[in-house]
Amino acid sequence: MERYGSNITVHGTADFKAQIVEVAATANLQLTFADSTLERKRVALVNYSTLTLQESNNDATDRGRRTGSGAGGIAHPAEMPMPDMIMDVEPSGSDLP
């Protein structure tokens, strides 16, 4: 963190980026991604982990009572599609006043 700061840019294949996001979320690293898609995925993974942990704690104290299955029916973020390419599009000069 000292070397690169807490807001990072990741370059590489979609698979590589997905791996980096998963490691950051799993290790609960205090960082954010400059790419908004990667950052949303990181937040989703952190939230999913929190929900799963809370449900696990509830199961331990629930004494067999079931109110639902899984993490509230929420799909694991790793199953969410990652775009192969993210492009920045700048407005053309003709659109400007």
N, C-alpha and C. Protein backbone atom coordinates (compact mmCIF):
# COMPACT_ATOMS: atom_id res chain seq x y z
N MET A 1 0.83 -1.19 0.00
CA MET A 1 0.00 0.00 0.00
C MET A 1 0.87 1.25 0.00
N GLU A 2 1.96 1.19 0.74
CA GLU A 2 2.85 2.33 0.80
C GLU A 2 3.37 2.71 -0.58
N ARG A 3 3.72 1.70 -1.35
CA ARG A 3 4.35 1.93 -2.64
C ARG A 3 3.36 2.44 -3.69
N TYR A 4 2.16 1.87 -3.73
CA TYR A 4 1.22 2.19 -4.80
C TYR A 4 0.00 2.99 -4.36
N GLY A 5 -0.19 3.16 -3.09
CA GLY A 5 -1.36 3.88 -2.60
C GLY A 5 -2.55 2.95 -2.44
N SER A 6 -3.68 3.51 -2.08
CA SER A 6 -4.85 2.67 -1.81
C SER A 6 -5.83 2.60 -2.98
N ASN A 7 -5.59 3.38 -4.05
CA ASN A 7 -6.43 3.33 -5.24
C ASN A 7 -5.55 2.85 -6.38
N ILE A 8 -5.82 1.63 -6.86
CA ILE A 8 -4.91 1.05 -7.85
C ILE A 8 -5.59 0.81 -9.20
N THR A 9 -4.75 0.78 -10.23
CA THR A 9 -5.17 0.46 -11.58
C THR A 9 -4.59 -0.90 -11.92
N VAL A 10 -5.42 -1.78 -12.45
CA VAL A 10 -4.98 -3.13 -12.79
C VAL A 10 -5.02 -3.28 -14.31
N HIS A 11 -3.92 -3.77 -14.87
CA HIS A 11 -3.84 -4.06 -16.30
C HIS A 11 -3.69 -5.56 -16.48
N GLY A 12 -4.24 -6.10 -17.54
CA GLY A 12 -4.11 -7.53 -17.82
C GLY A 12 -5.40 -8.08 -18.39
N THR A 13 -5.42 -9.40 -18.48
CA THR A 13 -6.60 -10.07 -19.03
C THR A 13 -7.77 -9.99 -18.05
N ALA A 14 -8.95 -10.29 -18.54
CA ALA A 14 -10.14 -10.29 -17.68
C ALA A 14 -9.98 -11.31 -16.55
N ASP A 15 -9.38 -12.46 -16.87
CA ASP A 15 -9.16 -13.48 -15.82
C ASP A 15 -8.20 -12.97 -14.75
N PHE A 16 -7.13 -12.31 -15.17
CA PHE A 16 -6.17 -11.76 -14.22
C PHE A 16 -6.84 -10.73 -13.32
N LYS A 17 -7.62 -9.83 -13.93
CA LYS A 17 -8.31 -8.80 -13.15
C LYS A 17 -9.28 -9.43 -12.15
N ALA A 18 -9.99 -10.46 -12.57
CA ALA A 18 -10.92 -11.15 -11.67
C ALA A 18 -10.19 -11.77 -10.49
N GLN A 19 -9.01 -12.34 -10.75
CA GLN A 19 -8.22 -12.93 -9.68
C GLN A 19 -7.76 -11.87 -8.69
N ILE A 20 -7.32 -10.73 -9.20
CA ILE A 20 -6.86 -9.65 -8.34
C ILE A 20 -8.00 -9.14 -7.46
N VAL A 21 -9.17 -8.97 -8.04
CA VAL A 21 -10.34 -8.50 -7.28
C VAL A 21 -10.70 -9.50 -6.20
N GLU A 22 -10.69 -10.78 -6.54
CA GLU A 22 -11.06 -11.81 -5.56
C GLU A 22 -10.06 -11.85 -4.40
N VAL A 23 -8.78 -11.75 -4.70
CA VAL A 23 -7.76 -11.75 -3.64
C VAL A 23 -7.92 -10.52 -2.75
N ALA A 24 -8.13 -9.36 -3.36
CA ALA A 24 -8.29 -8.13 -2.58
C ALA A 24 -9.49 -8.23 -1.64
N ALA A 25 -10.59 -8.77 -2.14
CA ALA A 25 -11.80 -8.89 -1.32
C ALA A 25 -11.62 -9.95 -0.23
N THR A 26 -11.07 -11.10 -0.61
CA THR A 26 -10.89 -12.20 0.35
C THR A 26 -9.93 -11.81 1.47
N ALA A 27 -8.85 -11.10 1.11
CA ALA A 27 -7.87 -10.69 2.11
C ALA A 27 -8.28 -9.42 2.84
N ASN A 28 -9.45 -8.88 2.46
CA ASN A 28 -9.97 -7.66 3.07
C ASN A 28 -8.95 -6.52 3.03
N LEU A 29 -8.29 -6.38 1.86
CA LEU A 29 -7.30 -5.32 1.69
C LEU A 29 -8.01 -3.97 1.65
N GLN A 30 -7.44 -3.01 2.31
CA GLN A 30 -8.02 -1.67 2.35
C GLN A 30 -7.57 -0.89 1.12
N LEU A 31 -8.17 -1.22 -0.02
CA LEU A 31 -7.85 -0.54 -1.26
C LEU A 31 -9.09 -0.42 -2.11
N THR A 32 -8.99 0.41 -3.12
CA THR A 32 -10.06 0.56 -4.10
C THR A 32 -9.43 0.45 -5.48
N PHE A 33 -10.26 0.14 -6.46
CA PHE A 33 -9.79 0.03 -7.84
C PHE A 33 -10.21 1.27 -8.61
N ALA A 34 -9.31 1.77 -9.44
CA ALA A 34 -9.62 2.93 -10.27
C ALA A 34 -10.72 2.59 -11.28
N ASP A 35 -10.74 1.36 -11.74
CA ASP A 35 -11.74 0.89 -12.69
C ASP A 35 -13.05 0.64 -11.92
N SER A 36 -14.11 1.35 -12.29
CA SER A 36 -15.37 1.26 -11.54
C SER A 36 -15.98 -0.14 -11.59
N THR A 37 -15.79 -0.87 -12.69
CA THR A 37 -16.32 -2.23 -12.79
C THR A 37 -15.61 -3.15 -11.79
N LEU A 38 -14.30 -3.04 -11.71
CA LEU A 38 -13.55 -3.86 -10.76
C LEU A 38 -13.92 -3.48 -9.33
N GLU A 39 -14.10 -2.20 -9.07
CA GLU A 39 -14.45 -1.76 -7.72
C GLU A 39 -15.83 -2.27 -7.32
N ARG A 40 -16.80 -2.23 -8.24
CA ARG A 40 -18.12 -2.77 -7.92
C ARG A 40 -18.04 -4.26 -7.62
N LYS A 41 -17.23 -4.98 -8.37
CA LYS A 41 -17.07 -6.42 -8.14
C LYS A 41 -16.42 -6.68 -6.78
N ARG A 42 -15.40 -5.86 -6.41
CA ARG A 42 -14.74 -6.00 -5.11
C ARG A 42 -15.75 -5.77 -3.98
N VAL A 43 -16.54 -4.72 -4.10
CA VAL A 43 -17.55 -4.41 -3.08
C VAL A 43 -18.57 -5.54 -2.99
N ALA A 44 -18.99 -6.06 -4.14
CA ALA A 44 -19.96 -7.17 -4.14
C ALA A 44 -19.38 -8.39 -3.44
N LEU A 45 -18.11 -8.70 -3.69
CA LEU A 45 -17.48 -9.85 -3.03
C LEU A 45 -17.37 -9.64 -1.52
N VAL A 46 -16.99 -8.43 -1.12
CA VAL A 46 -16.89 -8.13 0.32
C VAL A 46 -18.27 -8.25 0.96
N ASN A 47 -19.29 -7.70 0.31
CA ASN A 47 -20.66 -7.79 0.86
C ASN A 47 -21.13 -9.24 0.91
N TYR A 48 -20.83 -10.02 -0.13
CA TYR A 48 -21.22 -11.43 -0.15
C TYR A 48 -20.55 -12.18 1.00
N SER A 49 -19.27 -11.90 1.22
CA SER A 49 -18.55 -12.56 2.32
C SER A 49 -19.16 -12.19 3.66
N THR A 50 -19.54 -10.93 3.80
CA THR A 50 -20.15 -10.47 5.04
C THR A 50 -21.50 -11.15 5.25
N LEU A 51 -22.32 -11.24 4.19
CA LEU A 51 -23.61 -11.91 4.30
C LEU A 51 -23.45 -13.38 4.64
N THR A 52 -22.48 -14.04 3.98
CA THR A 52 -22.24 -15.45 4.22
C THR A 52 -21.79 -15.68 5.66
N LEU A 53 -20.92 -14.81 6.16
CA LEU A 53 -20.44 -14.94 7.54
C LEU A 53 -21.59 -14.71 8.52
N GLN A 54 -22.42 -13.70 8.25
CA GLN A 54 -23.56 -13.43 9.13
C GLN A 54 -24.52 -14.61 9.14
N GLU A 55 -24.77 -15.18 7.96
CA GLU A 55 -25.68 -16.33 7.89
C GLU A 55 -25.08 -17.52 8.62
N SER A 56 -23.79 -17.70 8.49
CA SER A 56 -23.11 -18.79 9.18
C SER A 56 -23.25 -18.62 10.70
N ASN A 57 -23.09 -17.41 11.17
CA ASN A 57 -23.26 -17.13 12.60
C ASN A 57 -24.70 -17.35 13.03
N ASN A 58 -25.65 -16.98 12.17
CA ASN A 58 -27.07 -17.19 12.49
C ASN A 58 -27.38 -18.68 12.55
N ASP A 59 -26.82 -19.45 11.63
CA ASP A 59 -27.05 -20.90 11.62
C ASP A 59 -26.54 -21.53 12.91
N ALA A 60 -25.43 -21.04 13.41
CA ALA A 60 -24.85 -21.61 14.63
C ALA A 60 -25.72 -21.33 15.85
N THR A 61 -26.47 -20.23 15.82
CA THR A 61 -27.29 -19.89 16.98
C THR A 61 -28.78 -20.12 16.73
N ASP A 62 -29.12 -20.58 15.53
CA ASP A 62 -30.52 -20.73 15.14
C ASP A 62 -31.18 -22.00 15.71
N ARG A 63 -30.40 -22.95 16.14
CA ARG A 63 -30.90 -24.20 16.72
C ARG A 63 -31.85 -24.93 15.77
N GLY A 64 -31.46 -24.96 14.48
CA GLY A 64 -32.21 -25.76 13.53
C GLY A 64 -33.32 -25.06 12.80
N ARG A 65 -33.71 -23.87 13.21
CA ARG A 65 -34.77 -23.16 12.51
C ARG A 65 -34.22 -22.60 11.21
N ARG A 66 -34.88 -22.86 10.13
CA ARG A 66 -34.45 -22.38 8.81
C ARG A 66 -35.43 -21.35 8.29
N THR A 67 -34.89 -20.24 7.79
CA THR A 67 -35.75 -19.21 7.21
C THR A 67 -35.47 -19.01 5.73
N GLY A 68 -34.49 -19.71 5.19
CA GLY A 68 -34.14 -19.56 3.79
C GLY A 68 -32.93 -20.40 3.47
N SER A 69 -32.45 -20.29 2.24
CA SER A 69 -31.26 -21.07 1.87
C SER A 69 -30.22 -20.15 1.28
N GLY A 70 -28.98 -20.57 1.36
CA GLY A 70 -27.89 -19.80 0.79
C GLY A 70 -27.73 -18.47 1.51
N ALA A 71 -27.09 -17.55 0.84
CA ALA A 71 -26.87 -16.21 1.41
C ALA A 71 -28.00 -15.30 0.97
N GLY A 72 -29.20 -15.61 1.38
CA GLY A 72 -30.34 -14.79 1.03
C GLY A 72 -30.69 -14.83 -0.45
N GLY A 73 -30.31 -15.90 -1.13
CA GLY A 73 -30.59 -16.02 -2.54
C GLY A 73 -29.70 -15.17 -3.42
N ILE A 74 -28.61 -14.66 -2.87
CA ILE A 74 -27.71 -13.80 -3.62
C ILE A 74 -26.68 -14.65 -4.33
N ALA A 75 -26.51 -14.44 -5.63
CA ALA A 75 -25.52 -15.18 -6.41
C ALA A 75 -24.13 -14.76 -6.00
N HIS A 76 -23.21 -15.70 -6.01
CA HIS A 76 -21.82 -15.40 -5.69
C HIS A 76 -21.28 -14.45 -6.75
N PRO A 77 -20.62 -13.36 -6.34
CA PRO A 77 -20.13 -12.38 -7.30
C PRO A 77 -19.16 -12.95 -8.33
N ALA A 78 -18.47 -14.03 -8.04
CA ALA A 78 -17.57 -14.63 -9.02
C ALA A 78 -18.35 -15.15 -10.22
N GLU A 79 -19.65 -15.37 -10.06
CA GLU A 79 -20.48 -15.83 -11.16
C GLU A 79 -20.98 -14.68 -12.02
N MET A 80 -20.72 -13.45 -11.58
CA MET A 80 -21.14 -12.28 -12.35
C MET A 80 -20.20 -12.10 -13.53
N PRO A 81 -20.71 -11.72 -14.71
CA PRO A 81 -19.84 -11.59 -15.88
C PRO A 81 -18.89 -10.40 -15.74
N MET A 82 -17.67 -10.61 -16.22
CA MET A 82 -16.67 -9.55 -16.29
C MET A 82 -16.53 -9.15 -17.75
N PRO A 83 -16.54 -7.87 -18.06
CA PRO A 83 -16.36 -7.48 -19.45
C PRO A 83 -14.94 -7.80 -19.91
N ASP A 84 -14.81 -8.23 -21.17
CA ASP A 84 -13.49 -8.54 -21.71
C ASP A 84 -12.68 -7.28 -21.92
N MET A 85 -13.35 -6.21 -22.26
CA MET A 85 -12.64 -4.97 -22.54
C MET A 85 -13.47 -3.80 -22.03
N ILE A 86 -12.81 -2.87 -21.39
CA ILE A 86 -13.48 -1.68 -20.92
C ILE A 86 -12.90 -0.51 -21.71
N MET A 87 -13.76 0.25 -22.34
CA MET A 87 -13.28 1.33 -23.19
C MET A 87 -13.75 2.66 -22.62
N ASP A 88 -12.84 3.64 -22.62
CA ASP A 88 -13.22 4.99 -22.27
C ASP A 88 -13.63 5.70 -23.55
N VAL A 89 -14.79 6.30 -23.54
CA VAL A 89 -15.29 6.99 -24.72
C VAL A 89 -15.39 8.46 -24.40
N GLU A 90 -14.73 9.27 -25.20
CA GLU A 90 -14.79 10.71 -25.02
C GLU A 90 -15.80 11.28 -26.01
N PRO A 91 -16.54 12.30 -25.60
CA PRO A 91 -17.50 12.89 -26.52
C PRO A 91 -16.78 13.56 -27.69
N SER A 92 -17.38 13.49 -28.86
CA SER A 92 -16.79 14.14 -30.02
C SER A 92 -16.95 15.64 -29.90
N GLY A 93 -16.08 16.37 -30.56
CA GLY A 93 -16.11 17.83 -30.49
C GLY A 93 -17.40 18.42 -31.02
N SER A 94 -18.10 17.71 -31.93
CA SER A 94 -19.31 18.24 -32.52
C SER A 94 -20.48 18.28 -31.52
N ASP A 95 -20.38 17.50 -30.45
CA ASP A 95 -21.45 17.48 -29.45
C ASP A 95 -21.34 18.64 -28.47
N LEU A 96 -20.20 19.27 -28.46
CA LEU A 96 -19.99 20.36 -27.51
C LEU A 96 -20.56 21.67 -28.05
N PRO A 97 -21.06 22.54 -27.18
CA PRO A 97 -21.65 23.81 -27.66
C PRO A 97 -20.60 24.74 -28.23
